[in-house]
Amino acid sequence: MGKTKFTQELFDSICTDIANSSRGLTYICAKHDVSRFIFYKWINDDSDLYNKYARAKEIQADYMADEIISISDDGSFDKTTNSEGREVTDHEHIQRSKLRVDARKWLAAKLAPRKYSEKTMTETHVTEQPLFPEKD
């Protein structure tokens, strides 16, 4: 990886790619010829940069939520033509689409838990009991 010198333009470009992609940081940094280690050093050394990165990750969660709908609604490759010319269901493509949706759901829930995690309500009933019951 060649580029290790920080520039605001480079950092902003990486954050823009994060916000507009479901790709991981390793892929995006490599695209910009920056090591992930160097990128982490940048955000570790500057709270403003960290906040921009965190905001890009929140936006990325929204991007993934949009992708979930697109992937789920797209049935264009669910059928294929076999060697005899008959249309058959492409179960492998359907399973891959399911995996893509599940991966995005999981990651969106981790990136923006208040917005995308499944909330469970837990009710607890406490009855007061003496710590040391009296002996009769």
C-alpha atoms as a PDB file:
ATOM      1  CA  MET A   1       0.000   0.000   0.000  1.00  0.00           C
ATOM      2  CA  GLY A   2       1.582   3.222  -1.125  1.00  0.00           C
ATOM      3  CA  LYS A   3      -0.447   6.144   0.226  1.00  0.00           C
ATOM      4  CA  THR A   4       0.150   6.600   3.899  1.00  0.00           C
ATOM      5  CA  LYS A   5       0.255  10.383   4.000  1.00  0.00           C
ATOM      6  CA  PHE A   6      -2.955  11.833   5.359  1.00  0.00           C
ATOM      7  CA  THR A   7      -4.931  14.311   3.322  1.00  0.00           C
ATOM      8  CA  GLN A   8      -8.421  15.476   4.181  1.00  0.00           C
ATOM      9  CA  GLU A   9      -9.499  14.819   0.598  1.00  0.00           C
ATOM     10  CA  LEU A  10      -8.308  11.197   0.775  1.00  0.00           C
ATOM     11  CA  PHE A  11      -9.964  10.638   4.146  1.00  0.00           C
ATOM     12  CA  ASP A  12     -13.249  12.174   2.957  1.00  0.00           C
ATOM     13  CA  SER A  13     -13.155  10.026  -0.168  1.00  0.00           C
ATOM     14  CA  ILE A  14     -12.734   6.868   1.916  1.00  0.00           C
ATOM     15  CA  CYS A  15     -15.617   7.901   4.188  1.00  0.00           C
ATOM     16  CA  THR A  16     -17.804   8.638   1.157  1.00  0.00           C
ATOM     17  CA  ASP A  17     -17.078   5.169  -0.220  1.00  0.00           C
ATOM     18  CA  ILE A  18     -17.911   3.621   3.159  1.00  0.00           C
ATOM     19  CA  ALA A  19     -21.235   5.455   3.331  1.00  0.00           C
ATOM     20  CA  ASN A  20     -22.188   4.464  -0.235  1.00  0.00           C
ATOM     21  CA  SER A  21     -21.208   0.823  -0.166  1.00  0.00           C
ATOM     22  CA  SER A  22     -21.732  -2.414   1.676  1.00  0.00           C
ATOM     23  CA  ARG A  23     -18.048  -3.214   1.194  1.00  0.00           C
ATOM     24  CA  GLY A  24     -15.727  -3.594   4.158  1.00  0.00           C
ATOM     25  CA  LEU A  25     -13.025  -1.200   5.241  1.00  0.00           C
ATOM     26  CA  THR A  26     -10.230  -3.487   4.003  1.00  0.00           C
ATOM     27  CA  TYR A  27     -11.628  -3.404   0.468  1.00  0.00           C
ATOM     28  CA  ILE A  28     -12.257   0.355   0.496  1.00  0.00           C
ATOM     29  CA  CYS A  29      -8.840   1.225   1.922  1.00  0.00           C
ATOM     30  CA  ALA A  30      -7.134  -1.015  -0.667  1.00  0.00           C
ATOM     31  CA  LYS A  31      -9.086   0.773  -3.405  1.00  0.00           C
ATOM     32  CA  HIS A  32      -7.553   4.031  -2.152  1.00  0.00           C
ATOM     33  CA  ASP A  33      -4.106   2.465  -1.710  1.00  0.00           C
ATOM     34  CA  VAL A  34      -4.166   2.991   2.062  1.00  0.00           C
ATOM     35  CA  SER A  35      -3.581   0.244   4.598  1.00  0.00           C
ATOM     36  CA  ARG A  36      -6.362  -0.371   7.084  1.00  0.00           C
ATOM     37  CA  PHE A  37      -3.789  -0.030   9.863  1.00  0.00           C
ATOM     38  CA  ILE A  38      -2.896   3.505   8.730  1.00  0.00           C
ATOM     39  CA  PHE A  39      -6.582   4.433   8.449  1.00  0.00           C
ATOM     40  CA  TYR A  40      -7.179   3.225  12.015  1.00  0.00           C
ATOM     41  CA  LYS A  41      -4.186   5.272  13.151  1.00  0.00           C
ATOM     42  CA  TRP A  42      -5.719   8.383  11.565  1.00  0.00           C
ATOM     43  CA  ILE A  43      -9.029   7.968  13.362  1.00  0.00           C
ATOM     44  CA  ASN A  44      -7.358   6.938  16.613  1.00  0.00           C
ATOM     45  CA  ASP A  45      -5.288  10.122  16.652  1.00  0.00           C
ATOM     46  CA  ASP A  46      -8.121  12.573  15.871  1.00  0.00           C
ATOM     47  CA  SER A  47     -11.610  12.563  17.409  1.00  0.00           C
ATOM     48  CA  ASP A  48     -13.065  14.647  14.552  1.00  0.00           C
ATOM     49  CA  LEU A  49     -11.884  12.066  12.038  1.00  0.00           C
ATOM     50  CA  TYR A  50     -13.244   9.290  14.211  1.00  0.00           C
ATOM     51  CA  ASN A  51     -16.636  11.026  14.348  1.00  0.00           C
ATOM     52  CA  LYS A  52     -16.706  11.398  10.548  1.00  0.00           C
ATOM     53  CA  TYR A  53     -15.857   7.718  10.185  1.00  0.00           C
ATOM     54  CA  ALA A  54     -18.547   6.739  12.717  1.00  0.00           C
ATOM     55  CA  ARG A  55     -21.099   8.815  10.819  1.00  0.00           C
ATOM     56  CA  ALA A  56     -20.078   7.152   7.542  1.00  0.00           C
ATOM     57  CA  LYS A  57     -20.649   3.742   9.177  1.00  0.00           C
ATOM     58  CA  GLU A  58     -24.125   4.818  10.353  1.00  0.00           C
ATOM     59  CA  ILE A  59     -24.976   5.914   6.826  1.00  0.00           C
ATOM     60  CA  GLN A  60     -23.591   2.617   5.562  1.00  0.00           C
ATOM     61  CA  ALA A  61     -26.154   0.818   7.737  1.00  0.00           C
ATOM     62  CA  ASP A  62     -28.906   2.769   5.958  1.00  0.00           C
ATOM     63  CA  TYR A  63     -27.354   1.865   2.621  1.00  0.00           C
ATOM     64  CA  MET A  64     -27.423  -1.806   3.589  1.00  0.00           C
ATOM     65  CA  ALA A  65     -31.048  -1.568   4.670  1.00  0.00           C
ATOM     66  CA  ASP A  66     -31.887  -0.186   1.231  1.00  0.00           C
ATOM     67  CA  GLU A  67     -29.930  -3.012  -0.383  1.00  0.00           C
ATOM     68  CA  ILE A  68     -31.902  -5.575   1.622  1.00  0.00           C
ATOM     69  CA  ILE A  69     -35.106  -4.374  -0.006  1.00  0.00           C
ATOM     70  CA  SER A  70     -33.537  -4.356  -3.479  1.00  0.00           C
ATOM     71  CA  ILE A  71     -32.077  -7.843  -3.110  1.00  0.00           C
ATOM     72  CA  SER A  72     -35.319  -9.213  -1.682  1.00  0.00           C
ATOM     73  CA  ASP A  73     -37.456  -7.693  -4.438  1.00  0.00           C
ATOM     74  CA  ASP A  74     -35.193  -8.774  -7.314  1.00  0.00           C
ATOM     75  CA  GLY A  75     -36.348 -12.143  -8.600  1.00  0.00           C
ATOM     76  CA  SER A  76     -34.824 -11.697 -12.058  1.00  0.00           C
ATOM     77  CA  PHE A  77     -32.275 -14.496 -11.594  1.00  0.00           C
ATOM     78  CA  ASP A  78     -34.450 -16.876  -9.578  1.00  0.00           C
ATOM     79  CA  LYS A  79     -35.184 -18.897 -12.717  1.00  0.00           C
ATOM     80  CA  THR A  80     -32.739 -20.174 -15.313  1.00  0.00           C
ATOM     81  CA  THR A  81     -32.950 -22.272 -18.444  1.00  0.00           C
ATOM     82  CA  ASN A  82     -31.498 -25.760 -18.217  1.00  0.00           C
ATOM     83  CA  SER A  83     -29.685 -27.653 -20.984  1.00  0.00           C
ATOM     84  CA  GLU A  84     -33.025 -28.980 -22.298  1.00  0.00           C
ATOM     85  CA  GLY A  85     -34.383 -25.456 -22.678  1.00  0.00           C
ATOM     86  CA  ARG A  86     -36.780 -25.705 -19.726  1.00  0.00           C
ATOM     87  CA  GLU A  87     -37.084 -22.961 -17.144  1.00  0.00           C
ATOM     88  CA  VAL A  88     -36.053 -24.185 -13.693  1.00  0.00           C
ATOM     89  CA  THR A  89     -35.658 -22.555 -10.294  1.00  0.00           C
ATOM     90  CA  ASP A  90     -32.084 -21.543  -9.503  1.00  0.00           C
ATOM     91  CA  HIS A  91     -31.945 -22.545  -5.834  1.00  0.00           C
ATOM     92  CA  GLU A  92     -28.271 -21.592  -5.550  1.00  0.00           C
ATOM     93  CA  HIS A  93     -29.032 -17.999  -6.571  1.00  0.00           C
ATOM     94  CA  ILE A  94     -31.964 -17.821  -4.156  1.00  0.00           C
ATOM     95  CA  GLN A  95     -29.779 -19.090  -1.297  1.00  0.00           C
ATOM     96  CA  ARG A  96     -27.022 -16.598  -2.197  1.00  0.00           C
ATOM     97  CA  SER A  97     -29.605 -13.780  -2.143  1.00  0.00           C
ATOM     98  CA  LYS A  98     -30.787 -14.956   1.274  1.00  0.00           C
ATOM     99  CA  LEU A  99     -27.180 -14.976   2.515  1.00  0.00           C
ATOM    100  CA  ARG A 100     -26.630 -11.451   1.146  1.00  0.00           C
ATOM    101  CA  VAL A 101     -29.765 -10.223   2.932  1.00  0.00           C
ATOM    102  CA  ASP A 102     -28.851 -11.945   6.199  1.00  0.00           C
ATOM    103  CA  ALA A 103     -25.296 -10.559   6.138  1.00  0.00           C
ATOM    104  CA  ARG A 104     -26.578  -7.026   5.603  1.00  0.00           C
ATOM    105  CA  LYS A 105     -29.228  -7.379   8.314  1.00  0.00           C
ATOM    106  CA  TRP A 106     -26.622  -8.583  10.790  1.00  0.00           C
ATOM    107  CA  LEU A 107     -24.134  -5.853   9.948  1.00  0.00           C
ATOM    108  CA  ALA A 108     -26.732  -3.050   9.870  1.00  0.00           C
ATOM    109  CA  ALA A 109     -27.873  -4.162  13.338  1.00  0.00           C
ATOM    110  CA  LYS A 110     -24.271  -3.978  14.586  1.00  0.00           C
ATOM    111  CA  LEU A 111     -23.569  -0.604  12.963  1.00  0.00           C
ATOM    112  CA  ALA A 112     -26.825   1.059  14.034  1.00  0.00           C
ATOM    113  CA  PRO A 113     -28.349  -1.069  16.799  1.00  0.00           C
ATOM    114  CA  ARG A 114     -30.930   1.481  17.912  1.00  0.00           C
ATOM    115  CA  LYS A 115     -32.281   1.598  14.408  1.00  0.00           C
ATOM    116  CA  TYR A 116     -31.832  -1.922  13.024  1.00  0.00           C
ATOM    117  CA  SER A 117     -31.428  -4.459  15.814  1.00  0.00           C
ATOM    118  CA  GLU A 118     -34.305  -6.647  16.789  1.00  0.00           C
ATOM    119  CA  LYS A 119     -35.462  -5.422  20.142  1.00  0.00           C
ATOM    120  CA  THR A 120     -36.563  -7.873  22.751  1.00  0.00           C
ATOM    121  CA  MET A 121     -38.468  -6.858  25.808  1.00  0.00           C
ATOM    122  CA  THR A 122     -37.591  -8.574  29.029  1.00  0.00           C
ATOM    123  CA  GLU A 123     -39.880  -8.252  31.986  1.00  0.00           C
ATOM    124  CA  THR A 124     -38.550  -8.915  35.436  1.00  0.00           C
ATOM    125  CA  HIS A 125     -40.708  -9.309  38.492  1.00  0.00           C
ATOM    126  CA  VAL A 126     -38.968  -8.929  41.803  1.00  0.00           C
ATOM    127  CA  THR A 127     -40.583  -9.860  45.052  1.00  0.00           C
ATOM    128  CA  GLU A 128     -38.899  -8.670  48.157  1.00  0.00           C
ATOM    129  CA  GLN A 129     -37.763 -11.398  50.435  1.00  0.00           C
ATOM    130  CA  PRO A 130     -35.629 -10.989  53.484  1.00  0.00           C
ATOM    131  CA  LEU A 131     -32.011 -11.847  52.971  1.00  0.00           C
ATOM    132  CA  PHE A 132     -31.974 -13.879  56.183  1.00  0.00           C
ATOM    133  CA  PRO A 133     -35.427 -15.253  56.908  1.00  0.00           C
ATOM    134  CA  GLU A 134     -36.406 -15.387  60.579  1.00  0.00           C
ATOM    135  CA  LYS A 135     -36.413 -18.789  62.169  1.00  0.00           C
ATOM    136  CA  ASP A 136     -39.524 -19.864  63.998  1.00  0.00           C
END
